Amino acid sequence: MEAISGEIRETDNPVRIIALAQAIETMGTALNNNIVNSYLALFKSLSPRAKLDLISRLTQSLEGDLKPGNSLFDSAFGAWQGDESAEQLISDIRDSRNFNRQIEGL
């Protein structure tokens, strides 16, 4: 396999570009497999109970990642949820204002 080097230019052969993309993807897959194999080597020494606990925690973390809209960013959007009327909210905001500006004489 040809070493991956240089830049991709508009004049490059499309077949070469596809081959480079496939080589990069293969390298990423190999790296992921290497990481997984390293973790598996560590897990071999764990007790069966510890392995089950690890599986449970990994499953819970994946389930949390798969739920849509569970991020803090997403929670910043949407309709206001409250029982107060618009007038009450406006009144509360205005009442909470704190003006402590001191005007100094010249």
Protein backbone atom coordinates (compact mmCIF):
# COMPACT_ATOMS: atom_id res chain seq x y z
CA MET A 1 0.00 0.00 0.00
CA GLU A 2 1.24 3.43 -0.89
CA ALA A 3 2.22 5.66 2.02
CA ILE A 4 -0.23 8.46 2.69
CA SER A 5 1.51 11.76 2.20
CA GLY A 6 1.07 15.10 0.56
CA GLU A 7 -2.05 17.02 -0.17
CA ILE A 8 -5.02 16.22 -2.34
CA ARG A 9 -5.28 18.58 -5.28
CA GLU A 10 -8.06 19.18 -7.79
CA THR A 11 -5.86 17.67 -10.47
CA ASP A 12 -5.36 14.40 -8.57
CA ASN A 13 -6.76 11.24 -10.03
CA PRO A 14 -10.19 10.46 -8.48
CA VAL A 15 -9.15 6.83 -8.06
CA ARG A 16 -6.16 7.98 -5.97
CA ILE A 17 -8.42 10.18 -3.84
CA ILE A 18 -10.80 7.27 -3.21
CA ALA A 19 -7.86 5.00 -2.36
CA LEU A 20 -6.52 7.57 0.12
CA ALA A 21 -9.95 7.91 1.74
CA GLN A 22 -10.24 4.14 2.06
CA ALA A 23 -6.74 3.93 3.53
CA ILE A 24 -7.58 6.60 6.11
CA GLU A 25 -10.81 4.80 7.01
CA THR A 26 -8.93 1.52 7.36
CA MET A 27 -6.37 3.19 9.63
CA GLY A 28 -9.19 4.58 11.80
CA THR A 29 -10.83 1.17 12.03
CA ALA A 30 -7.49 -0.44 12.89
CA LEU A 31 -6.89 2.18 15.58
CA ASN A 32 -10.36 1.57 17.09
CA ASN A 33 -9.76 -2.18 17.02
CA ASN A 34 -6.40 -1.68 18.70
CA ILE A 35 -8.02 0.38 21.48
CA VAL A 36 -10.76 -2.22 21.98
CA ASN A 37 -8.21 -5.04 22.09
CA SER A 38 -6.15 -3.12 24.67
CA TYR A 39 -9.21 -2.73 26.90
CA LEU A 40 -10.11 -6.40 26.47
CA ALA A 41 -6.63 -7.36 27.64
CA LEU A 42 -7.21 -5.29 30.78
CA PHE A 43 -10.64 -6.80 31.37
CA LYS A 44 -9.41 -10.39 31.27
CA SER A 45 -8.10 -10.06 34.81
CA LEU A 46 -11.44 -8.79 36.18
CA SER A 47 -13.80 -11.03 38.08
CA PRO A 48 -17.04 -12.05 36.37
CA ARG A 49 -19.00 -9.80 38.74
CA ALA A 50 -16.81 -6.79 37.86
CA LYS A 51 -17.23 -7.55 34.15
CA LEU A 52 -21.02 -7.62 34.54
CA ASP A 53 -20.91 -4.33 36.42
CA LEU A 54 -18.81 -2.81 33.64
CA ILE A 55 -21.23 -4.07 30.99
CA SER A 56 -24.13 -2.56 32.92
CA ARG A 57 -22.44 0.82 33.23
CA LEU A 58 -21.44 0.88 29.56
CA THR A 59 -25.02 0.01 28.58
CA GLN A 60 -26.38 2.82 30.76
CA SER A 61 -23.95 5.32 29.24
CA LEU A 62 -24.96 4.26 25.72
CA GLU A 63 -28.65 4.53 26.53
CA GLY A 64 -28.07 8.08 27.77
CA ASP A 65 -26.23 8.94 24.56
CA LEU A 66 -29.03 7.57 22.40
CA LYS A 67 -31.83 9.60 23.99
CA PRO A 68 -32.63 12.64 21.83
CA GLY A 69 -32.53 16.08 23.37
CA ASN A 70 -30.89 15.11 26.65
CA SER A 71 -28.13 17.70 26.45
CA LEU A 72 -27.92 20.90 28.46
CA PHE A 73 -27.75 22.83 25.19
CA ASP A 74 -31.06 21.38 24.01
CA SER A 75 -32.72 22.17 27.33
CA ALA A 76 -32.10 25.90 26.73
CA PHE A 77 -34.73 25.95 24.00
CA GLY A 78 -38.49 25.56 23.97
CA ALA A 79 -41.56 27.11 25.47
CA TRP A 80 -41.62 28.66 28.93
CA GLN A 81 -42.89 26.21 31.50
CA GLY A 82 -44.59 27.89 34.40
CA ASP A 83 -47.97 28.70 35.91
CA GLU A 84 -47.46 32.46 36.12
CA SER A 85 -49.23 34.77 33.71
CA ALA A 86 -47.25 37.04 31.41
CA GLU A 87 -48.22 40.05 33.52
CA GLN A 88 -47.00 38.32 36.68
CA LEU A 89 -43.66 37.47 35.05
CA ILE A 90 -43.21 41.06 33.89
CA SER A 91 -44.05 42.33 37.35
CA ASP A 92 -41.59 39.91 38.99
CA ILE A 93 -38.81 40.94 36.63
CA ARG A 94 -39.42 44.63 37.20
CA ASP A 95 -39.64 44.19 40.99
CA SER A 96 -36.35 42.30 41.05
CA ARG A 97 -34.44 45.13 39.42
CA ASN A 98 -31.96 46.73 41.74
CA PHE A 99 -30.86 50.27 41.04
CA ASN A 100 -28.06 51.36 43.32
CA ARG A 101 -26.50 54.03 41.18
CA GLN A 102 -25.06 56.87 43.22
CA ILE A 103 -24.90 60.22 41.49
CA GLU A 104 -21.90 62.17 42.64
CA GLY A 105 -21.89 65.91 42.72
CA LEU A 106 -19.34 67.82 40.68
